[in-house]
Amino acid sequence: MRPGSARGLLSVCYVLAALIILDQVTDLAVTLYPFHPDQLSWRLAAYGIGMRRTTWVLVADALVIATATGLEQPRVLYALSMVHGVAAILLVVGLGLFTLDTVQFRGSVRSEALPTVYLAAGRIGLLVPALVGFSIWAMVRLRRMGGGRTRTKRRGPPGLVVSGAATGEKL
């Protein structure tokens, strides 16, 4: 195998991850259309259906992480750590809103349908904290792997141009 061919093969994983995410987002949008965020039942269904998409998004996430690691791209790993941090925050906020909607929805459901509502809410209640934990763990690990932001070291104070003669170097 030529040296550049492995690099090219790994780069294909970025495209594959993008296709997986695009597929999941468009499928979710088509499934939820027409959008009615003002309706309680639509919001609950949207959150539940969205959580079903997480498995494939995690597969795409793993592909991107493996590719960035294999290609030794610390900035990509750092950016991914930020994405995981934002995802953890959004998941916590979403779970809070989902909980409030579930409590409100419970009052409008027939008693024979309550077990189904409780099972669906319980599934979300187990899945989201696990995803938040994973996101936080991934954020910390990716930040360490990426080494934080990579910056070049400057010689001298910022904004000062130092010539070779001033530093004692021969011209």
Protein backbone atom coordinates (compact mmCIF):
# COMPACT_ATOMS: atom_id res chain seq x y z
CA MET A 1 0.00 0.00 0.00
CA ARG A 2 1.36 3.42 -0.93
CA PRO A 3 1.86 5.88 1.97
CA GLY A 4 -0.83 8.30 0.75
CA SER A 5 -3.44 5.63 0.01
CA ALA A 6 -4.13 4.86 3.69
CA ARG A 7 -4.60 8.56 4.32
CA GLY A 8 -7.03 8.79 1.40
CA LEU A 9 -8.92 5.76 2.61
CA LEU A 10 -9.29 7.26 6.07
CA SER A 11 -10.53 10.51 4.56
CA VAL A 12 -13.44 8.60 3.00
CA CYS A 13 -14.66 7.96 6.56
CA TYR A 14 -15.40 11.71 6.90
CA VAL A 15 -17.66 11.51 3.86
CA LEU A 16 -19.36 8.39 5.18
CA ALA A 17 -19.98 10.04 8.56
CA ALA A 18 -21.45 13.10 6.83
CA LEU A 19 -23.77 10.88 4.79
CA ILE A 20 -24.97 9.05 7.91
CA ILE A 21 -25.71 12.31 9.70
CA LEU A 22 -27.41 13.81 6.62
CA ASP A 23 -29.57 10.69 6.29
CA GLN A 24 -30.64 10.80 9.93
CA VAL A 25 -31.41 14.54 9.93
CA THR A 26 -33.42 14.42 6.70
CA ASP A 27 -35.29 11.29 7.80
CA LEU A 28 -36.16 12.98 11.09
CA ALA A 29 -37.37 16.12 9.30
CA VAL A 30 -39.53 14.13 6.88
CA THR A 31 -40.96 12.02 9.70
CA LEU A 32 -41.88 15.04 11.82
CA TYR A 33 -43.32 17.11 8.96
CA PRO A 34 -45.64 19.04 9.24
CA PHE A 35 -43.97 20.78 12.16
CA HIS A 36 -46.19 21.73 15.10
CA PRO A 37 -43.93 22.65 18.02
CA ASP A 38 -46.88 24.39 19.65
CA GLN A 39 -48.61 21.00 20.15
CA LEU A 40 -47.63 19.01 23.21
CA SER A 41 -48.05 15.59 21.59
CA TRP A 42 -45.90 16.64 18.60
CA ARG A 43 -43.07 17.81 20.91
CA LEU A 44 -43.11 14.53 22.83
CA ALA A 45 -43.11 12.49 19.63
CA ALA A 46 -40.32 14.64 18.15
CA TYR A 47 -38.09 14.12 21.17
CA GLY A 48 -38.76 10.38 21.24
CA ILE A 49 -38.16 9.94 17.51
CA GLY A 50 -35.04 12.10 17.73
CA MET A 51 -33.63 9.90 20.48
CA ARG A 52 -34.11 6.85 18.25
CA ARG A 53 -31.68 8.40 15.78
CA THR A 54 -28.83 8.57 18.30
CA THR A 55 -27.40 5.14 17.54
CA TRP A 56 -26.50 6.03 13.97
CA VAL A 57 -25.25 9.46 14.97
CA LEU A 58 -22.95 7.76 17.50
CA VAL A 59 -21.65 5.49 14.71
CA ALA A 60 -20.88 8.59 12.62
CA ASP A 61 -19.26 10.20 15.67
CA ALA A 62 -17.03 7.16 16.17
CA LEU A 63 -16.02 7.27 12.49
CA VAL A 64 -15.02 10.93 12.73
CA ILE A 65 -13.09 10.38 15.97
CA ALA A 66 -11.25 7.36 14.56
CA THR A 67 -10.45 9.21 11.36
CA ALA A 68 -9.19 12.34 13.10
CA THR A 69 -7.07 10.19 15.39
CA GLY A 70 -5.67 8.14 12.50
CA LEU A 71 -4.88 11.25 10.48
CA GLU A 72 -3.41 12.94 13.56
CA GLN A 73 -5.62 16.03 13.36
CA PRO A 74 -5.58 17.65 16.82
CA ARG A 75 -7.72 20.61 15.75
CA VAL A 76 -10.50 18.31 14.56
CA LEU A 77 -10.34 16.43 17.87
CA TYR A 78 -10.52 19.74 19.75
CA ALA A 79 -13.54 20.83 17.66
CA LEU A 80 -15.21 17.49 18.34
CA SER A 81 -14.67 18.00 22.06
CA MET A 82 -16.57 21.30 21.79
CA VAL A 83 -19.38 19.60 19.83
CA HIS A 84 -19.69 17.01 22.60
CA GLY A 85 -19.84 19.75 25.24
CA VAL A 86 -22.64 21.55 23.39
CA ALA A 87 -24.45 18.23 22.85
CA ALA A 88 -24.35 17.51 26.60
CA ILE A 89 -25.90 20.91 27.37
CA LEU A 90 -28.61 20.50 24.72
CA LEU A 91 -29.45 17.00 25.97
CA VAL A 92 -29.86 18.22 29.55
CA VAL A 93 -32.07 21.13 28.46
CA GLY A 94 -34.07 18.81 26.20
CA LEU A 95 -34.57 16.30 28.99
CA GLY A 96 -35.85 19.04 31.28
CA LEU A 97 -38.36 20.21 28.68
CA PHE A 98 -39.35 16.62 27.90
CA THR A 99 -39.98 15.96 31.60
CA LEU A 100 -42.21 19.04 31.89
CA ASP A 101 -44.13 18.06 28.75
CA THR A 102 -44.57 14.49 30.01
CA VAL A 103 -46.00 15.68 33.33
CA GLN A 104 -48.40 17.95 31.46
CA PHE A 105 -49.31 15.22 28.94
CA ARG A 106 -49.99 12.65 31.66
CA GLY A 107 -53.14 14.50 32.69
CA SER A 108 -54.68 14.28 29.21
CA VAL A 109 -54.08 10.55 28.65
CA ARG A 110 -56.60 7.80 29.33
CA SER A 111 -55.64 5.60 32.26
CA GLU A 112 -55.17 2.48 30.11
CA ALA A 113 -52.58 4.32 27.97
CA LEU A 114 -50.52 5.55 30.94
CA PRO A 115 -48.23 2.48 31.10
CA THR A 116 -47.15 3.12 27.49
CA VAL A 117 -46.43 6.78 28.29
CA TYR A 118 -44.43 5.77 31.38
CA LEU A 119 -42.40 3.18 29.43
CA ALA A 120 -41.56 5.67 26.66
CA ALA A 121 -40.64 8.35 29.20
CA GLY A 122 -38.58 5.80 31.17
CA ARG A 123 -36.64 4.85 28.05
CA ILE A 124 -35.80 8.51 27.42
CA GLY A 125 -35.00 8.93 31.13
CA LEU A 126 -32.41 6.16 30.89
CA LEU A 127 -31.00 7.00 27.48
CA VAL A 128 -30.44 10.74 27.86
CA PRO A 129 -28.36 10.63 31.08
CA ALA A 130 -26.21 7.92 29.46
CA LEU A 131 -25.74 10.14 26.39
CA VAL A 132 -24.91 13.13 28.58
CA GLY A 133 -22.32 11.05 30.44
CA PHE A 134 -20.83 9.85 27.17
CA SER A 135 -20.74 13.40 25.77
CA ILE A 136 -18.93 14.73 28.83
CA TRP A 137 -16.48 11.82 28.85
CA ALA A 138 -15.83 12.23 25.11
CA MET A 139 -15.38 15.98 25.53
CA VAL A 140 -12.69 15.48 28.17
CA ARG A 141 -10.91 12.65 26.31
CA LEU A 142 -10.98 14.42 22.95
CA ARG A 143 -9.65 17.62 24.46
CA ARG A 144 -6.74 15.65 25.94
CA MET A 145 -6.14 13.78 22.68
CA GLY A 146 -6.24 17.02 20.70
CA GLY A 147 -3.93 18.74 23.15
CA GLY A 148 -6.22 21.74 23.37
CA ARG A 149 -5.78 24.45 20.82
CA THR A 150 -2.53 24.19 18.99
CA ARG A 151 -0.65 27.48 18.90
CA THR A 152 2.73 28.36 17.59
CA LYS A 153 5.24 29.72 20.08
CA ARG A 154 6.36 33.26 19.50
CA ARG A 155 9.83 34.57 19.99
CA GLY A 156 9.53 37.92 21.70
CA PRO A 157 6.56 40.04 22.73
CA PRO A 158 3.42 39.90 20.57
CA GLY A 159 3.47 42.27 17.64
CA LEU A 160 7.24 42.83 17.78
CA VAL A 161 9.20 41.78 14.72
CA VAL A 162 12.60 40.50 15.77
CA SER A 163 15.32 40.38 13.13
CA GLY A 164 18.15 37.89 13.14
CA ALA A 165 20.68 40.66 14.02
CA ALA A 166 18.77 41.55 17.20
CA THR A 167 18.77 37.96 18.43
CA GLY A 168 22.44 37.39 17.73
CA GLU A 169 21.89 35.16 14.71
CA LYS A 170 24.22 35.49 11.76
CA LEU A 171 22.66 36.92 8.65
